């Protein structure tokens, strides 16, 4: 399973004959509407105490 998750195709055989082929799921990047949006890394940092108190 881990090898397929890393992008490798894995074939499982039964009695020397290929029985199952595992391949990674193709993922695609999702877009949100038509706007290009960049979120700065600071967005994900914890709020300072004053800002956090304002939300409570």
PDB file of N, CA and C in Angstrom:
ATOM      1  N   UNK A   1       0.831  -1.179   0.000  1.00  0.00           N
ATOM      2  CA  UNK A   1       0.000   0.000   0.000  1.00  0.00           C
ATOM      3  C   UNK A   1       0.882   1.251   0.000  1.00  0.00           C
ATOM      4  N   UNK A   2       1.892   1.277   0.869  1.00  0.00           N
ATOM      5  CA  UNK A   2       2.748   2.457   0.979  1.00  0.00           C
ATOM      6  C   UNK A   2       3.470   2.731  -0.335  1.00  0.00           C
ATOM      7  N   UNK A   3       3.893   1.692  -1.018  1.00  0.00           N
ATOM      8  CA  UNK A   3       4.593   1.891  -2.297  1.00  0.00           C
ATOM      9  C   UNK A   3       3.662   2.513  -3.333  1.00  0.00           C
ATOM     10  N   UNK A   4       2.404   2.086  -3.370  1.00  0.00           N
ATOM     11  CA  UNK A   4       1.442   2.673  -4.304  1.00  0.00           C
ATOM     12  C   UNK A   4       1.169   4.128  -3.940  1.00  0.00           C
ATOM     13  N   UNK A   5       1.112   4.422  -2.641  1.00  0.00           N
ATOM     14  CA  UNK A   5       0.885   5.805  -2.213  1.00  0.00           C
ATOM     15  C   UNK A   5       2.032   6.715  -2.633  1.00  0.00           C
ATOM     16  N   UNK A   6       3.223   6.159  -2.738  1.00  0.00           N
ATOM     17  CA  UNK A   6       4.377   6.952  -3.170  1.00  0.00           C
ATOM     18  C   UNK A   6       4.437   7.092  -4.688  1.00  0.00           C
ATOM     19  N   UNK A   7       3.487   6.490  -5.397  1.00  0.00           N
ATOM     20  CA  UNK A   7       3.428   6.659  -6.843  1.00  0.00           C
ATOM     21  C   UNK A   7       3.820   5.429  -7.638  1.00  0.00           C
ATOM     22  N   UNK A   8       4.187   4.357  -6.972  1.00  0.00           N
ATOM     23  CA  UNK A   8       4.624   3.154  -7.658  1.00  0.00           C
ATOM     24  C   UNK A   8       3.428   2.273  -8.007  1.00  0.00           C
ATOM     25  N   UNK A   9       3.488   1.637  -9.167  1.00  0.00           N
ATOM     26  CA  UNK A   9       2.465   0.657  -9.524  1.00  0.00           C
ATOM     27  C   UNK A   9       2.887  -0.675  -8.927  1.00  0.00           C
ATOM     28  N   UNK A  10       1.977  -1.346  -8.222  1.00  0.00           N
ATOM     29  CA  UNK A  10       2.284  -2.596  -7.542  1.00  0.00           C
ATOM     30  C   UNK A  10       1.374  -3.689  -8.098  1.00  0.00           C
ATOM     31  N   UNK A  11       1.980  -4.799  -8.534  1.00  0.00           N
ATOM     32  CA  UNK A  11       1.214  -5.936  -9.052  1.00  0.00           C
ATOM     33  C   UNK A  11       1.299  -7.063  -8.025  1.00  0.00           C
ATOM     34  N   UNK A  12       0.160  -7.599  -7.638  1.00  0.00           N
ATOM     35  CA  UNK A  12       0.089  -8.710  -6.695  1.00  0.00           C
ATOM     36  C   UNK A  12      -0.281  -9.957  -7.491  1.00  0.00           C
ATOM     37  N   UNK A  13       0.499 -11.009  -7.272  1.00  0.00           N
ATOM     38  CA  UNK A  13       0.292 -12.238  -8.032  1.00  0.00           C
ATOM     39  C   UNK A  13      -0.254 -13.335  -7.131  1.00  0.00           C
ATOM     40  N   UNK A  14      -0.978 -14.250  -7.768  1.00  0.00           N
ATOM     41  CA  UNK A  14      -1.471 -15.458  -7.085  1.00  0.00           C
ATOM     42  C   UNK A  14      -1.022 -16.643  -7.947  1.00  0.00           C
ATOM     43  N   UNK A  15      -0.275 -17.536  -7.336  1.00  0.00           N
ATOM     44  CA  UNK A  15       0.250 -18.717  -8.043  1.00  0.00           C
ATOM     45  C   UNK A  15       1.077 -18.304  -9.260  1.00  0.00           C
ATOM     46  N   UNK A  16       1.815 -17.213  -9.104  1.00  0.00           N
ATOM     47  CA  UNK A  16       2.705 -16.770 -10.178  1.00  0.00           C
ATOM     48  C   UNK A  16       2.034 -16.004 -11.302  1.00  0.00           C
ATOM     49  N   UNK A  17       0.729 -15.766 -11.188  1.00  0.00           N
ATOM     50  CA  UNK A  17       0.014 -15.027 -12.241  1.00  0.00           C
ATOM     51  C   UNK A  17      -0.494 -13.717 -11.672  1.00  0.00           C
ATOM     52  N   UNK A  18      -0.321 -12.613 -12.390  1.00  0.00           N
ATOM     53  CA  UNK A  18      -0.805 -11.319 -11.904  1.00  0.00           C
ATOM     54  C   UNK A  18      -2.298 -11.366 -11.631  1.00  0.00           C
ATOM     55  N   UNK A  19      -2.695 -10.900 -10.427  1.00  0.00           N
ATOM     56  CA  UNK A  19      -4.105 -10.939 -10.049  1.00  0.00           C
ATOM     57  C   UNK A  19      -4.654  -9.541  -9.769  1.00  0.00           C
ATOM     58  N   UNK A  20      -3.830  -8.674  -9.175  1.00  0.00           N
ATOM     59  CA  UNK A  20      -4.296  -7.350  -8.773  1.00  0.00           C
ATOM     60  C   UNK A  20      -3.211  -6.340  -9.106  1.00  0.00           C
ATOM     61  N   UNK A  21      -3.652  -5.188  -9.569  1.00  0.00           N
ATOM     62  CA  UNK A  21      -2.711  -4.100  -9.827  1.00  0.00           C
ATOM     63  C   UNK A  21      -3.148  -2.908  -9.000  1.00  0.00           C
ATOM     64  N   UNK A  22      -2.248  -2.418  -8.137  1.00  0.00           N
ATOM     65  CA  UNK A  22      -2.529  -1.227  -7.326  1.00  0.00           C
ATOM     66  C   UNK A  22      -1.784  -0.061  -7.924  1.00  0.00           C
ATOM     67  N   UNK A  23      -2.502   1.019  -8.118  1.00  0.00           N
ATOM     68  CA  UNK A  23      -1.893   2.237  -8.659  1.00  0.00           C
ATOM     69  C   UNK A  23      -2.348   3.414  -7.805  1.00  0.00           C
ATOM     70  N   UNK A  24      -1.545   4.465  -7.750  1.00  0.00           N
ATOM     71  CA  UNK A  24      -1.961   5.627  -6.966  1.00  0.00           C
ATOM     72  C   UNK A  24      -3.166   6.305  -7.610  1.00  0.00           C
ATOM     73  N   UNK A  25      -3.994   6.897  -6.792  1.00  0.00           N
ATOM     74  CA  UNK A  25      -5.161   7.631  -7.280  1.00  0.00           C
ATOM     75  C   UNK A  25      -4.673   8.961  -7.844  1.00  0.00           C
ATOM     76  N   UNK A  26      -5.120   9.275  -9.017  1.00  0.00           N
ATOM     77  CA  UNK A  26      -4.743  10.557  -9.621  1.00  0.00           C
ATOM     78  C   UNK A  26      -5.473  11.675  -8.885  1.00  0.00           C
ATOM     79  N   UNK A  27      -4.725  12.614  -8.399  1.00  0.00           N
ATOM     80  CA  UNK A  27      -5.340  13.754  -7.718  1.00  0.00           C
ATOM     81  C   UNK A  27      -5.188  14.976  -8.595  1.00  0.00           C
ATOM     82  N   UNK A  28      -6.095  15.873  -8.440  1.00  0.00           N
ATOM     83  CA  UNK A  28      -6.004  17.109  -9.200  1.00  0.00           C
ATOM     84  C   UNK A  28      -6.167  18.272  -8.240  1.00  0.00           C
ATOM     85  N   UNK A  29      -5.553  19.363  -8.595  1.00  0.00           N
ATOM     86  CA  UNK A  29      -5.629  20.540  -7.750  1.00  0.00           C
ATOM     87  C   UNK A  29      -6.997  21.176  -7.907  1.00  0.00           C
ATOM     88  N   UNK A  30      -7.618  21.507  -6.782  1.00  0.00           N
ATOM     89  CA  UNK A  30      -8.929  22.136  -6.820  1.00  0.00           C
ATOM     90  C   UNK A  30      -8.767  23.645  -6.870  1.00  0.00           C
ATOM     91  N   UNK A  31      -9.645  24.280  -7.586  1.00  0.00           N
ATOM     92  CA  UNK A  31      -9.634  25.737  -7.644  1.00  0.00           C
ATOM     93  C   UNK A  31     -10.884  26.265  -6.964  1.00  0.00           C
ATOM     94  N   UNK A  32     -10.776  27.437  -6.431  1.00  0.00           N
ATOM     95  CA  UNK A  32     -11.887  28.087  -5.761  1.00  0.00           C
ATOM     96  C   UNK A  32     -12.330  29.247  -6.634  1.00  0.00           C
ATOM     97  N   UNK A  33     -13.389  29.044  -7.361  1.00  0.00           N
ATOM     98  CA  UNK A  33     -13.873  30.093  -8.254  1.00  0.00           C
ATOM     99  C   UNK A  33     -12.854  30.408  -9.339  1.00  0.00           C
ATOM    100  N   UNK A  34     -12.812  31.650  -9.756  1.00  0.00           N
ATOM    101  CA  UNK A  34     -11.877  32.043 -10.804  1.00  0.00           C
ATOM    102  C   UNK A  34     -10.781  32.965 -10.282  1.00  0.00           C
ATOM    103  N   UNK A  35     -10.844  33.299  -8.990  1.00  0.00           N
ATOM    104  CA  UNK A  35      -9.845  34.199  -8.420  1.00  0.00           C
ATOM    105  C   UNK A  35      -8.574  33.435  -8.076  1.00  0.00           C
ATOM    106  N   UNK A  36      -7.446  34.085  -8.285  1.00  0.00           N
ATOM    107  CA  UNK A  36      -6.190  33.545  -7.801  1.00  0.00           C
ATOM    108  C   UNK A  36      -6.021  34.068  -6.392  1.00  0.00           C
ATOM    109  N   UNK A  37      -5.821  33.184  -5.443  1.00  0.00           N
ATOM    110  CA  UNK A  37      -5.756  33.576  -4.052  1.00  0.00           C
ATOM    111  C   UNK A  37      -4.488  33.014  -3.440  1.00  0.00           C
ATOM    112  N   UNK A  38      -3.735  33.883  -2.814  1.00  0.00           N
ATOM    113  CA  UNK A  38      -2.533  33.460  -2.106  1.00  0.00           C
ATOM    114  C   UNK A  38      -2.728  33.775  -0.637  1.00  0.00           C
ATOM    115  N   UNK A  39      -2.544  32.779   0.198  1.00  0.00           N
ATOM    116  CA  UNK A  39      -2.694  32.959   1.639  1.00  0.00           C
ATOM    117  C   UNK A  39      -1.297  32.977   2.251  1.00  0.00           C
ATOM    118  N   UNK A  40      -0.942  34.061   2.948  1.00  0.00           N
ATOM    119  CA  UNK A  40       0.395  34.125   3.548  1.00  0.00           C
ATOM    120  C   UNK A  40       0.525  33.123   4.696  1.00  0.00           C
ATOM    121  N   UNK A  41       1.746  32.672   4.948  1.00  0.00           N
ATOM    122  CA  UNK A  41       2.000  31.704   6.018  1.00  0.00           C
ATOM    123  C   UNK A  41       1.546  32.227   7.371  1.00  0.00           C
ATOM    124  N   UNK A  42       1.602  33.531   7.592  1.00  0.00           N
ATOM    125  CA  UNK A  42       1.213  34.117   8.866  1.00  0.00           C
ATOM    126  C   UNK A  42      -0.258  33.856   9.184  1.00  0.00           C
ATOM    127  N   UNK A  43      -1.061  33.613   8.173  1.00  0.00           N
ATOM    128  CA  UNK A  43      -2.484  33.351   8.368  1.00  0.00           C
ATOM    129  C   UNK A  43      -2.706  32.145   9.279  1.00  0.00           C
ATOM    130  N   UNK A  44      -1.803  31.161   9.205  1.00  0.00           N
ATOM    131  CA  UNK A  44      -1.969  29.919   9.937  1.00  0.00           C
ATOM    132  C   UNK A  44      -1.320  29.944  11.323  1.00  0.00           C
ATOM    133  N   UNK A  45      -0.699  31.044  11.680  1.00  0.00           N
ATOM    134  CA  UNK A  45      -0.082  31.153  13.003  1.00  0.00           C
ATOM    135  C   UNK A  45      -1.166  31.439  14.047  1.00  0.00           C
ATOM    136  N   UNK A  46      -0.944  31.018  15.290  1.00  0.00           N
ATOM    137  CA  UNK A  46      -1.934  31.278  16.346  1.00  0.00           C
ATOM    138  C   UNK A  46      -2.141  32.780  16.557  1.00  0.00           C
ATOM    139  N   UNK A  47      -3.355  33.149  16.953  1.00  0.00           N
ATOM    140  CA  UNK A  47      -3.646  34.551  17.231  1.00  0.00           C
ATOM    141  C   UNK A  47      -2.970  34.992  18.523  1.00  0.00           C
ATOM    142  N   UNK A  48      -2.607  36.266  18.570  1.00  0.00           N
ATOM    143  CA  UNK A  48      -2.073  36.798  19.822  1.00  0.00           C
ATOM    144  C   UNK A  48      -3.239  36.900  20.805  1.00  0.00           C
ATOM    145  N   UNK A  49      -2.937  36.966  22.092  1.00  0.00           N
ATOM    146  CA  UNK A  49      -3.972  36.927  23.141  1.00  0.00           C
ATOM    147  C   UNK A  49      -5.038  38.012  22.960  1.00  0.00           C
ATOM    148  N   UNK A  50      -4.656  39.237  22.581  1.00  0.00           N
ATOM    149  CA  UNK A  50      -5.624  40.325  22.412  1.00  0.00           C
ATOM    150  C   UNK A  50      -6.628  39.998  21.302  1.00  0.00           C
ATOM    151  N   UNK A  51      -6.143  39.496  20.182  1.00  0.00           N
ATOM    152  CA  UNK A  51      -7.031  39.170  19.073  1.00  0.00           C
ATOM    153  C   UNK A  51      -7.926  37.979  19.430  1.00  0.00           C
ATOM    154  N   UNK A  52      -7.346  37.003  20.099  1.00  0.00           N
ATOM    155  CA  UNK A  52      -8.121  35.840  20.510  1.00  0.00           C
ATOM    156  C   UNK A  52      -9.244  36.235  21.463  1.00  0.00           C
ATOM    157  N   UNK A  53      -8.962  37.131  22.393  1.00  0.00           N
ATOM    158  CA  UNK A  53      -9.977  37.601  23.345  1.00  0.00           C
ATOM    159  C   UNK A  53     -11.096  38.343  22.614  1.00  0.00           C
ATOM    160  N   UNK A  54     -10.768  39.062  21.561  1.00  0.00           N
ATOM    161  CA  UNK A  54     -11.778  39.813  20.807  1.00  0.00           C
ATOM    162  C   UNK A  54     -12.774  38.873  20.130  1.00  0.00           C
ATOM    163  N   UNK A  55     -12.350  37.650  19.797  1.00  0.00           N
ATOM    164  CA  UNK A  55     -13.224  36.689  19.124  1.00  0.00           C
ATOM    165  C   UNK A  55     -14.108  35.935  20.115  1.00  0.00           C
ATOM    166  N   UNK A  56     -13.779  35.985  21.388  1.00  0.00           N
ATOM    167  CA  UNK A  56     -14.551  35.216  22.365  1.00  0.00           C
ATOM    168  C   UNK A  56     -15.736  35.972  22.879  1.00  0.00           C
TER     169      UNK A  56
END
